[in-house]
Amino acid sequence: MHRPRALSIYDIGRTPMYASQYDQRFSYCLHVPDDYSADSGKVYSLAVLVHGTERDVQTYRDSFADFSEANDCVVLVPLFPVGIPDPGEFDGYKYLRHGDIRFDLILLAMVEEVTGTYRVDSRRFLLFGFSGGGHFAHRFLYLHPERVRAVTIGAPGAVTLLDESLPWPAGIDGTLETLGRRVDPSALRETAVHLLIGAEDTQTRAIRVGAGHPAWIPGVNDEGVPRTGRMLALKHSLERHGLAVRYDVVPGVGHHGPSLFGRVKNFFTHVLTADARAPSR
């Protein structure tokens, strides 16, 4: 458990990058609302934003500063650097595991560190990922639905369907053996799900895969299918298992995360507002 420490002026608002005490090869930054005070009893929500392949973590954090301030929400942005453990390794975090590294567990450890320093309700947090982060976000949801209050899955290059006839990561067969957890589609129904993509996100150059790639799904993710088609396949897969999905296609936008951030903030604000108005159980 992360030991609480005294906060400095650098721990409020736009913070520096912190090395994870769970594994110091990985780090994270925060936006903490300016009114945060060690003397107050206010408890804040938590939103986790997962970067794409470009790893532009501070843009993600700074773009959600207004959301953080308006919604009493601490924003956590992890950094999964390129080249861990292998030089030039870009994609491991997208599939939650690379070799002996478990990126989902690294994120959960970061959440615990933040909980040990700040008054946040981290039992169930908001989760957003775009592109490579969209890969991570929906696969994290599958393995840890009890931790995700709401998720926005933004334009992943390949999707994992809720299909037990397909091996992970094309489908969900084999997760118990490879990741230590079995996917229970019914458990996902407690999470508000938002699928988000630009209408012009149709380029395939960066996401082409052949039949030998683990993310290739016959008839869905075969070579040349754009992200828009893959997102529809994910939508239909989730809905077949009884999930209510908000499907958001933004006109005039290609594969550009910041152009979609406003939709994410609106969705998360709606979730937090609805939760606040719901009667206590």
C-alpha atoms as a PDB file:
ATOM      1  CA  MET A   1       0.000   0.000   0.000  1.00  0.00           C
ATOM      2  CA  HIS A   2       1.291   3.429  -0.965  1.00  0.00           C
ATOM      3  CA  ARG A   3       2.062   5.449   2.178  1.00  0.00           C
ATOM      4  CA  PRO A   4       0.302   8.860   2.363  1.00  0.00           C
ATOM      5  CA  ARG A   5       2.618  11.834   2.107  1.00  0.00           C
ATOM      6  CA  ALA A   6       2.363  15.570   2.575  1.00  0.00           C
ATOM      7  CA  LEU A   7       1.285  17.362  -0.599  1.00  0.00           C
ATOM      8  CA  SER A   8       3.237  20.190  -2.194  1.00  0.00           C
ATOM      9  CA  ILE A   9       2.089  22.832  -4.658  1.00  0.00           C
ATOM     10  CA  TYR A  10       3.272  20.510  -7.449  1.00  0.00           C
ATOM     11  CA  ASP A  11       0.775  17.830  -6.378  1.00  0.00           C
ATOM     12  CA  ILE A  12      -2.276  20.028  -7.119  1.00  0.00           C
ATOM     13  CA  GLY A  13      -3.482  21.047 -10.561  1.00  0.00           C
ATOM     14  CA  ARG A  14      -1.179  19.974 -13.411  1.00  0.00           C
ATOM     15  CA  THR A  15       1.260  17.571 -11.766  1.00  0.00           C
ATOM     16  CA  PRO A  16       4.688  16.271 -12.810  1.00  0.00           C
ATOM     17  CA  MET A  17       5.207  12.707 -14.024  1.00  0.00           C
ATOM     18  CA  TYR A  18       5.389  10.276 -11.089  1.00  0.00           C
ATOM     19  CA  ALA A  19       7.268   6.981 -11.255  1.00  0.00           C
ATOM     20  CA  SER A  20       5.017   4.102 -10.303  1.00  0.00           C
ATOM     21  CA  GLN A  21       6.216   2.552  -7.073  1.00  0.00           C
ATOM     22  CA  TYR A  22       4.895  -0.794  -8.286  1.00  0.00           C
ATOM     23  CA  ASP A  23       7.232  -0.747 -11.294  1.00  0.00           C
ATOM     24  CA  GLN A  24       9.376   2.341 -11.819  1.00  0.00           C
ATOM     25  CA  ARG A  25       9.742   1.687 -15.546  1.00  0.00           C
ATOM     26  CA  PHE A  26       6.228   3.119 -15.822  1.00  0.00           C
ATOM     27  CA  SER A  27       4.904   6.517 -14.787  1.00  0.00           C
ATOM     28  CA  TYR A  28       1.792   8.672 -14.669  1.00  0.00           C
ATOM     29  CA  CYS A  29       0.663  12.266 -14.348  1.00  0.00           C
ATOM     30  CA  LEU A  30      -2.468  13.782 -12.829  1.00  0.00           C
ATOM     31  CA  HIS A  31      -4.765  16.725 -12.894  1.00  0.00           C
ATOM     32  CA  VAL A  32      -5.994  17.357  -9.355  1.00  0.00           C
ATOM     33  CA  PRO A  33      -8.731  19.998  -8.918  1.00  0.00           C
ATOM     34  CA  ASP A  34      -7.380  23.298  -7.642  1.00  0.00           C
ATOM     35  CA  ASP A  35      -9.735  23.254  -4.652  1.00  0.00           C
ATOM     36  CA  TYR A  36      -8.252  20.006  -3.322  1.00  0.00           C
ATOM     37  CA  SER A  37      -7.274  20.458   0.310  1.00  0.00           C
ATOM     38  CA  ALA A  38      -5.846  18.048   2.836  1.00  0.00           C
ATOM     39  CA  ASP A  39      -8.149  19.642   5.421  1.00  0.00           C
ATOM     40  CA  SER A  40     -11.349  19.013   3.489  1.00  0.00           C
ATOM     41  CA  GLY A  41     -13.454  15.884   3.664  1.00  0.00           C
ATOM     42  CA  LYS A  42     -14.513  16.037   0.012  1.00  0.00           C
ATOM     43  CA  VAL A  43     -14.081  12.785  -1.904  1.00  0.00           C
ATOM     44  CA  TYR A  44     -13.308  13.039  -5.610  1.00  0.00           C
ATOM     45  CA  SER A  45     -14.148  10.768  -8.530  1.00  0.00           C
ATOM     46  CA  LEU A  46     -11.375   9.275 -10.654  1.00  0.00           C
ATOM     47  CA  ALA A  47     -10.980   9.227 -14.444  1.00  0.00           C
ATOM     48  CA  VAL A  48      -8.235   7.238 -16.175  1.00  0.00           C
ATOM     49  CA  LEU A  49      -7.178   8.295 -19.698  1.00  0.00           C
ATOM     50  CA  VAL A  50      -5.037   5.870 -21.711  1.00  0.00           C
ATOM     51  CA  HIS A  51      -2.827   7.242 -24.493  1.00  0.00           C
ATOM     52  CA  GLY A  52      -2.508   6.019 -28.053  1.00  0.00           C
ATOM     53  CA  THR A  53       0.652   4.807 -29.738  1.00  0.00           C
ATOM     54  CA  GLU A  54       2.085   8.339 -29.794  1.00  0.00           C
ATOM     55  CA  ARG A  55       2.124   8.463 -25.942  1.00  0.00           C
ATOM     56  CA  ASP A  56       1.075  12.134 -25.768  1.00  0.00           C
ATOM     57  CA  VAL A  57       0.071  11.860 -22.134  1.00  0.00           C
ATOM     58  CA  GLN A  58       0.273  15.512 -21.163  1.00  0.00           C
ATOM     59  CA  THR A  59      -2.057  16.536 -23.985  1.00  0.00           C
ATOM     60  CA  TYR A  60      -4.620  14.069 -22.644  1.00  0.00           C
ATOM     61  CA  ARG A  61      -4.205  15.356 -19.087  1.00  0.00           C
ATOM     62  CA  ASP A  62      -4.327  19.050 -20.015  1.00  0.00           C
ATOM     63  CA  SER A  63      -7.316  18.586 -22.339  1.00  0.00           C
ATOM     64  CA  PHE A  64      -9.355  17.215 -19.432  1.00  0.00           C
ATOM     65  CA  ALA A  65      -8.381  19.887 -16.901  1.00  0.00           C
ATOM     66  CA  ASP A  66     -11.695  21.697 -17.361  1.00  0.00           C
ATOM     67  CA  PHE A  67     -13.600  18.444 -16.864  1.00  0.00           C
ATOM     68  CA  SER A  68     -11.568  17.717 -13.731  1.00  0.00           C
ATOM     69  CA  GLU A  69     -12.330  21.112 -12.197  1.00  0.00           C
ATOM     70  CA  ALA A  70     -16.031  21.092 -13.125  1.00  0.00           C
ATOM     71  CA  ASN A  71     -16.726  17.575 -11.857  1.00  0.00           C
ATOM     72  CA  ASP A  72     -14.581  17.185  -8.720  1.00  0.00           C
ATOM     73  CA  CYS A  73     -12.633  14.469 -10.515  1.00  0.00           C
ATOM     74  CA  VAL A  74      -8.955  13.552 -10.339  1.00  0.00           C
ATOM     75  CA  VAL A  75      -7.586  12.654 -13.778  1.00  0.00           C
ATOM     76  CA  LEU A  76      -4.903   9.964 -14.029  1.00  0.00           C
ATOM     77  CA  VAL A  77      -2.934   9.416 -17.256  1.00  0.00           C
ATOM     78  CA  PRO A  78      -0.511   6.467 -17.263  1.00  0.00           C
ATOM     79  CA  LEU A  79       2.544   6.301 -19.511  1.00  0.00           C
ATOM     80  CA  PHE A  80       3.463   2.939 -21.022  1.00  0.00           C
ATOM     81  CA  PRO A  81       6.731   3.793 -22.836  1.00  0.00           C
ATOM     82  CA  VAL A  82       7.899   2.313 -26.107  1.00  0.00           C
ATOM     83  CA  GLY A  83      10.660  -0.275 -25.741  1.00  0.00           C
ATOM     84  CA  ILE A  84       9.702  -2.123 -22.555  1.00  0.00           C
ATOM     85  CA  PRO A  85      10.918  -4.799 -22.407  1.00  0.00           C
ATOM     86  CA  ASP A  86      12.050  -5.037 -26.047  1.00  0.00           C
ATOM     87  CA  PRO A  87      13.543  -2.205 -28.166  1.00  0.00           C
ATOM     88  CA  GLY A  88      10.927  -0.817 -30.521  1.00  0.00           C
ATOM     89  CA  GLU A  89       8.025  -2.586 -28.783  1.00  0.00           C
ATOM     90  CA  PHE A  90       5.022  -0.309 -29.377  1.00  0.00           C
ATOM     91  CA  ASP A  91       1.998  -2.510 -28.848  1.00  0.00           C
ATOM     92  CA  GLY A  92       2.277  -4.686 -25.742  1.00  0.00           C
ATOM     93  CA  TYR A  93       0.084  -2.524 -23.504  1.00  0.00           C
ATOM     94  CA  LYS A  94      -2.749  -2.683 -26.039  1.00  0.00           C
ATOM     95  CA  TYR A  95      -3.213  -6.399 -25.337  1.00  0.00           C
ATOM     96  CA  LEU A  96      -2.692  -6.089 -21.536  1.00  0.00           C
ATOM     97  CA  ARG A  97       0.262  -8.455 -21.488  1.00  0.00           C
ATOM     98  CA  HIS A  98       3.669  -8.636 -23.121  1.00  0.00           C
ATOM     99  CA  GLY A  99       5.957 -11.376 -21.848  1.00  0.00           C
ATOM    100  CA  ASP A 100       5.811 -11.197 -18.061  1.00  0.00           C
ATOM    101  CA  ILE A 101       4.502  -7.607 -17.979  1.00  0.00           C
ATOM    102  CA  ARG A 102       0.818  -7.178 -17.059  1.00  0.00           C
ATOM    103  CA  PHE A 103      -0.222  -3.689 -18.064  1.00  0.00           C
ATOM    104  CA  ASP A 104      -3.682  -3.991 -16.514  1.00  0.00           C
ATOM    105  CA  LEU A 105      -2.137  -4.753 -13.127  1.00  0.00           C
ATOM    106  CA  ILE A 106       0.303  -1.865 -13.518  1.00  0.00           C
ATOM    107  CA  LEU A 107      -2.637   0.487 -14.022  1.00  0.00           C
ATOM    108  CA  LEU A 108      -4.470  -0.903 -11.006  1.00  0.00           C
ATOM    109  CA  ALA A 109      -1.318  -0.365  -8.923  1.00  0.00           C
ATOM    110  CA  MET A 110      -1.172   3.258 -10.086  1.00  0.00           C
ATOM    111  CA  VAL A 111      -4.802   3.688  -9.055  1.00  0.00           C
ATOM    112  CA  GLU A 112      -3.952   2.353  -5.608  1.00  0.00           C
ATOM    113  CA  GLU A 113      -1.008   4.746  -5.317  1.00  0.00           C
ATOM    114  CA  VAL A 114      -3.251   7.697  -6.151  1.00  0.00           C
ATOM    115  CA  THR A 115      -5.846   6.461  -3.654  1.00  0.00           C
ATOM    116  CA  GLY A 116      -3.117   6.352  -1.015  1.00  0.00           C
ATOM    117  CA  THR A 117      -2.294  10.025  -1.594  1.00  0.00           C
ATOM    118  CA  TYR A 118      -5.625  11.660  -2.446  1.00  0.00           C
ATOM    119  CA  ARG A 119      -9.234  11.261  -1.308  1.00  0.00           C
ATOM    120  CA  VAL A 120     -10.610   9.557  -4.416  1.00  0.00           C
ATOM    121  CA  ASP A 121     -13.326   6.976  -4.788  1.00  0.00           C
ATOM    122  CA  SER A 122     -11.394   4.499  -6.911  1.00  0.00           C
ATOM    123  CA  ARG A 123     -13.625   1.495  -6.368  1.00  0.00           C
ATOM    124  CA  ARG A 124     -15.103   2.094  -9.842  1.00  0.00           C
ATOM    125  CA  PHE A 125     -13.505   4.689 -12.079  1.00  0.00           C
ATOM    126  CA  LEU A 126     -14.123   6.277 -15.460  1.00  0.00           C
ATOM    127  CA  LEU A 127     -11.932   4.897 -18.269  1.00  0.00           C
ATOM    128  CA  PHE A 128     -11.136   6.346 -21.702  1.00  0.00           C
ATOM    129  CA  GLY A 129      -8.685   5.241 -24.344  1.00  0.00           C
ATOM    130  CA  PHE A 130      -8.185   6.358 -27.931  1.00  0.00           C
ATOM    131  CA  SER A 131      -6.542   4.314 -30.707  1.00  0.00           C
ATOM    132  CA  GLY A 132      -3.980   2.177 -28.838  1.00  0.00           C
ATOM    133  CA  GLY A 133      -5.711   3.284 -25.651  1.00  0.00           C
ATOM    134  CA  GLY A 134      -9.009   2.077 -27.124  1.00  0.00           C
ATOM    135  CA  HIS A 135      -7.396  -1.349 -27.495  1.00  0.00           C
ATOM    136  CA  PHE A 136      -6.448  -1.262 -23.817  1.00  0.00           C
ATOM    137  CA  ALA A 137      -9.762   0.155 -22.573  1.00  0.00           C
ATOM    138  CA  HIS A 138     -12.127  -2.512 -23.895  1.00  0.00           C
ATOM    139  CA  ARG A 139      -9.820  -5.391 -22.980  1.00  0.00           C
ATOM    140  CA  PHE A 140      -9.346  -3.952 -19.484  1.00  0.00           C
ATOM    141  CA  LEU A 141     -13.130  -3.746 -19.160  1.00  0.00           C
ATOM    142  CA  TYR A 142     -13.455  -7.424 -20.089  1.00  0.00           C
ATOM    143  CA  LEU A 143     -11.052  -8.521 -17.339  1.00  0.00           C
ATOM    144  CA  HIS A 144     -11.984  -5.978 -14.633  1.00  0.00           C
ATOM    145  CA  PRO A 145     -15.616  -4.901 -15.109  1.00  0.00           C
ATOM    146  CA  GLU A 146     -16.076  -4.475 -11.376  1.00  0.00           C
ATOM    147  CA  ARG A 147     -13.601  -1.566 -11.438  1.00  0.00           C
ATOM    148  CA  VAL A 148     -15.040   0.365 -14.397  1.00  0.00           C
ATOM    149  CA  ARG A 149     -17.893   2.796 -13.748  1.00  0.00           C
ATOM    150  CA  ALA A 150     -18.077   3.920 -17.393  1.00  0.00           C
ATOM    151  CA  VAL A 151     -15.855   3.435 -20.420  1.00  0.00           C
ATOM    152  CA  THR A 152     -15.312   5.287 -23.682  1.00  0.00           C
ATOM    153  CA  ILE A 153     -13.633   3.087 -26.278  1.00  0.00           C
ATOM    154  CA  GLY A 154     -12.158   5.323 -28.957  1.00  0.00           C
ATOM    155  CA  ALA A 155     -11.253   3.950 -32.419  1.00  0.00           C
ATOM    156  CA  PRO A 156      -9.039   0.938 -31.647  1.00  0.00           C
ATOM    157  CA  GLY A 157      -7.141  -0.514 -34.586  1.00  0.00           C
ATOM    158  CA  ALA A 158      -8.300  -4.030 -33.724  1.00  0.00           C
ATOM    159  CA  VAL A 159     -11.084  -5.274 -31.483  1.00  0.00           C
ATOM    160  CA  THR A 160     -11.686  -8.245 -29.224  1.00  0.00           C
ATOM    161  CA  LEU A 161     -15.162  -9.670 -29.670  1.00  0.00           C
ATOM    162  CA  LEU A 162     -17.150 -11.307 -26.879  1.00  0.00           C
ATOM    163  CA  ASP A 163     -16.834 -14.607 -28.714  1.00  0.00           C
ATOM    164  CA  GLU A 164     -15.789 -17.738 -26.851  1.00  0.00           C
ATOM    165  CA  SER A 165     -15.099 -19.550 -30.133  1.00  0.00           C
ATOM    166  CA  LEU A 166     -12.174 -17.227 -30.931  1.00  0.00           C
ATOM    167  CA  PRO A 167      -8.845 -17.247 -29.056  1.00  0.00           C
ATOM    168  CA  TRP A 168      -7.651 -14.173 -27.213  1.00  0.00           C
ATOM    169  CA  PRO A 169      -7.218 -11.436 -28.390  1.00  0.00           C
ATOM    170  CA  ALA A 170      -9.535 -11.992 -31.365  1.00  0.00           C
ATOM    171  CA  GLY A 171     -12.120 -13.350 -28.922  1.00  0.00           C
ATOM    172  CA  ILE A 172     -12.266 -14.245 -25.232  1.00  0.00           C
ATOM    173  CA  ASP A 173     -11.311 -17.923 -25.258  1.00  0.00           C
ATOM    174  CA  GLY A 174      -8.219 -18.676 -23.176  1.00  0.00           C
ATOM    175  CA  THR A 175      -8.120 -15.617 -20.923  1.00  0.00           C
ATOM    176  CA  LEU A 176      -8.093 -17.744 -17.778  1.00  0.00           C
ATOM    177  CA  GLU A 177      -4.961 -19.526 -18.938  1.00  0.00           C
ATOM    178  CA  THR A 178      -3.162 -16.465 -20.342  1.00  0.00           C
ATOM    179  CA  LEU A 179      -4.359 -13.670 -18.034  1.00  0.00           C
ATOM    180  CA  GLY A 180      -5.688 -15.447 -14.969  1.00  0.00           C
ATOM    181  CA  ARG A 181      -9.281 -14.248 -15.334  1.00  0.00           C
ATOM    182  CA  ARG A 182     -12.256 -15.577 -17.212  1.00  0.00           C
ATOM    183  CA  VAL A 183     -14.399 -13.037 -19.077  1.00  0.00           C
ATOM    184  CA  ASP A 184     -18.031 -12.977 -17.934  1.00  0.00           C
ATOM    185  CA  PRO A 185     -20.043 -10.981 -20.499  1.00  0.00           C
ATOM    186  CA  SER A 186     -22.968 -10.588 -18.099  1.00  0.00           C
ATOM    187  CA  ALA A 187     -20.721  -8.737 -15.626  1.00  0.00           C
ATOM    188  CA  LEU A 188     -20.130  -5.995 -18.195  1.00  0.00           C
ATOM    189  CA  ARG A 189     -23.760  -4.846 -18.061  1.00  0.00           C
ATOM    190  CA  GLU A 190     -23.123  -2.752 -14.946  1.00  0.00           C
ATOM    191  CA  THR A 191     -20.754  -0.473 -16.888  1.00  0.00           C
ATOM    192  CA  ALA A 192     -21.913   2.405 -19.098  1.00  0.00           C
ATOM    193  CA  VAL A 193     -20.308   1.798 -22.502  1.00  0.00           C
ATOM    194  CA  HIS A 194     -19.567   4.474 -25.108  1.00  0.00           C
ATOM    195  CA  LEU A 195     -18.072   3.643 -28.505  1.00  0.00           C
ATOM    196  CA  LEU A 196     -16.563   6.673 -30.235  1.00  0.00           C
ATOM    197  CA  ILE A 197     -15.033   7.181 -33.684  1.00  0.00           C
ATOM    198  CA  GLY A 198     -14.688   9.829 -36.366  1.00  0.00           C
ATOM    199  CA  ALA A 199     -16.792   9.277 -39.472  1.00  0.00           C
ATOM    200  CA  GLU A 200     -13.709   9.835 -41.655  1.00  0.00           C
ATOM    201  CA  ASP A 201     -11.534   7.363 -39.714  1.00  0.00           C
ATOM    202  CA  THR A 202     -11.271   5.015 -42.677  1.00  0.00           C
ATOM    203  CA  GLN A 203      -7.532   4.763 -43.382  1.00  0.00           C
ATOM    204  CA  THR A 204      -6.148   1.230 -43.045  1.00  0.00           C
ATOM    205  CA  ARG A 205      -2.402   1.668 -43.605  1.00  0.00           C
ATOM    206  CA  ALA A 206      -1.473   1.542 -39.922  1.00  0.00           C
ATOM    207  CA  ILE A 207      -3.837  -1.292 -38.965  1.00  0.00           C
ATOM    208  CA  ARG A 208      -3.602  -3.846 -41.766  1.00  0.00           C
ATOM    209  CA  VAL A 209      -3.139  -7.360 -40.431  1.00  0.00           C
ATOM    210  CA  GLY A 210      -2.974 -10.702 -42.172  1.00  0.00           C
ATOM    211  CA  ALA A 211      -4.403 -14.082 -41.235  1.00  0.00           C
ATOM    212  CA  GLY A 212      -1.351 -14.892 -39.117  1.00  0.00           C
ATOM    213  CA  HIS A 213      -1.846 -11.892 -36.817  1.00  0.00           C
ATOM    214  CA  PRO A 214      -3.501 -12.632 -33.434  1.00  0.00           C
ATOM    215  CA  ALA A 215      -5.974  -9.770 -33.931  1.00  0.00           C
ATOM    216  CA  TRP A 216      -7.237 -10.999 -37.295  1.00  0.00           C
ATOM    217  CA  ILE A 217     -10.878 -12.125 -37.185  1.00  0.00           C
ATOM    218  CA  PRO A 218     -12.195 -13.834 -40.317  1.00  0.00           C
ATOM    219  CA  GLY A 219     -14.848 -11.698 -41.973  1.00  0.00           C
ATOM    220  CA  VAL A 220     -14.390  -8.784 -39.584  1.00  0.00           C
ATOM    221  CA  ASN A 221     -10.798  -7.744 -38.985  1.00  0.00           C
ATOM    222  CA  ASP A 222      -9.223  -9.074 -42.147  1.00  0.00           C
ATOM    223  CA  GLU A 223      -6.801  -6.913 -44.083  1.00  0.00           C
ATOM    224  CA  GLY A 224      -8.149  -3.624 -45.401  1.00  0.00           C
ATOM    225  CA  VAL A 225     -11.171  -3.265 -43.104  1.00  0.00           C
ATOM    226  CA  PRO A 226     -11.210   0.273 -41.626  1.00  0.00           C
ATOM    227  CA  ARG A 227     -11.687   1.123 -37.965  1.00  0.00           C
ATOM    228  CA  THR A 228     -15.284   2.120 -38.619  1.00  0.00           C
ATOM    229  CA  GLY A 229     -16.080  -1.466 -39.643  1.00  0.00           C
ATOM    230  CA  ARG A 230     -14.253  -2.896 -36.663  1.00  0.00           C
ATOM    231  CA  MET A 231     -16.143  -0.606 -34.295  1.00  0.00           C
ATOM    232  CA  LEU A 232     -19.460  -1.770 -35.734  1.00  0.00           C
ATOM    233  CA  ALA A 233     -18.379  -5.365 -35.191  1.00  0.00           C
ATOM    234  CA  LEU A 234     -17.563  -4.551 -31.559  1.00  0.00           C
ATOM    235  CA  LYS A 235     -20.898  -2.772 -31.114  1.00  0.00           C
ATOM    236  CA  HIS A 236     -22.848  -5.746 -32.436  1.00  0.00           C
ATOM    237  CA  SER A 237     -20.845  -8.170 -30.294  1.00  0.00           C
ATOM    238  CA  LEU A 238     -21.507  -6.191 -27.108  1.00  0.00           C
ATOM    239  CA  GLU A 239     -25.198  -5.775 -27.901  1.00  0.00           C
ATOM    240  CA  ARG A 240     -25.627  -9.505 -28.535  1.00  0.00           C
ATOM    241  CA  HIS A 241     -24.640  -9.999 -24.896  1.00  0.00           C
ATOM    242  CA  GLY A 242     -27.190  -7.527 -23.597  1.00  0.00           C
ATOM    243  CA  LEU A 243     -25.017  -4.443 -23.151  1.00  0.00           C
ATOM    244  CA  ALA A 244     -26.559  -1.040 -23.773  1.00  0.00           C
ATOM    245  CA  VAL A 245     -24.067   0.753 -26.010  1.00  0.00           C
ATOM    246  CA  ARG A 246     -23.918   4.451 -26.864  1.00  0.00           C
ATOM    247  CA  TYR A 247     -22.498   4.559 -30.387  1.00  0.00           C
ATOM    248  CA  ASP A 248     -21.065   7.925 -31.386  1.00  0.00           C
ATOM    249  CA  VAL A 249     -19.817   8.645 -34.916  1.00  0.00           C
ATOM    250  CA  VAL A 250     -18.501  12.204 -35.253  1.00  0.00           C
ATOM    251  CA  PRO A 251     -18.949  13.826 -38.701  1.00  0.00           C
ATOM    252  CA  GLY A 252     -15.921  15.287 -40.439  1.00  0.00           C
ATOM    253  CA  VAL A 253     -13.350  13.773 -38.041  1.00  0.00           C
ATOM    254  CA  GLY A 254     -10.623  11.299 -38.951  1.00  0.00           C
ATOM    255  CA  HIS A 255      -8.209   9.502 -36.642  1.00  0.00           C
ATOM    256  CA  HIS A 256      -7.563  12.440 -34.309  1.00  0.00           C
ATOM    257  CA  GLY A 257      -8.140  11.970 -30.604  1.00  0.00           C
ATOM    258  CA  PRO A 258      -8.344  15.622 -29.474  1.00  0.00           C
ATOM    259  CA  SER A 259     -11.219  16.205 -31.910  1.00  0.00           C
ATOM    260  CA  LEU A 260     -13.203  13.626 -29.949  1.00  0.00           C
ATOM    261  CA  PHE A 261     -12.334  14.677 -26.402  1.00  0.00           C
ATOM    262  CA  GLY A 262     -15.411  16.881 -26.058  1.00  0.00           C
ATOM    263  CA  ARG A 263     -17.689  13.886 -26.650  1.00  0.00           C
ATOM    264  CA  VAL A 264     -15.849  11.929 -23.955  1.00  0.00           C
ATOM    265  CA  LYS A 265     -16.182  14.727 -21.433  1.00  0.00           C
ATOM    266  CA  ASN A 266     -19.892  15.081 -22.174  1.00  0.00           C
ATOM    267  CA  PHE A 267     -20.427  11.343 -21.690  1.00  0.00           C
ATOM    268  CA  PHE A 268     -18.482  11.220 -18.436  1.00  0.00           C
ATOM    269  CA  THR A 269     -20.282  14.308 -17.114  1.00  0.00           C
ATOM    270  CA  HIS A 270     -23.610  12.661 -17.913  1.00  0.00           C
ATOM    271  CA  VAL A 271     -22.551   9.503 -16.042  1.00  0.00           C
ATOM    272  CA  LEU A 272     -21.380  11.403 -12.975  1.00  0.00           C
ATOM    273  CA  THR A 273     -24.521  13.552 -12.919  1.00  0.00           C
ATOM    274  CA  ALA A 274     -26.822  10.559 -13.294  1.00  0.00           C
ATOM    275  CA  ASP A 275     -24.975   8.701 -10.536  1.00  0.00           C
ATOM    276  CA  ALA A 276     -25.256  11.705  -8.229  1.00  0.00           C
ATOM    277  CA  ARG A 277     -29.021  11.868  -8.768  1.00  0.00           C
ATOM    278  CA  ALA A 278     -29.594   8.126  -8.339  1.00  0.00           C
ATOM    279  CA  PRO A 279     -31.108   7.086  -4.990  1.00  0.00           C
ATOM    280  CA  SER A 280     -28.719   5.410  -2.591  1.00  0.00           C
ATOM    281  CA  ARG A 281     -28.988   1.642  -2.452  1.00  0.00           C
END
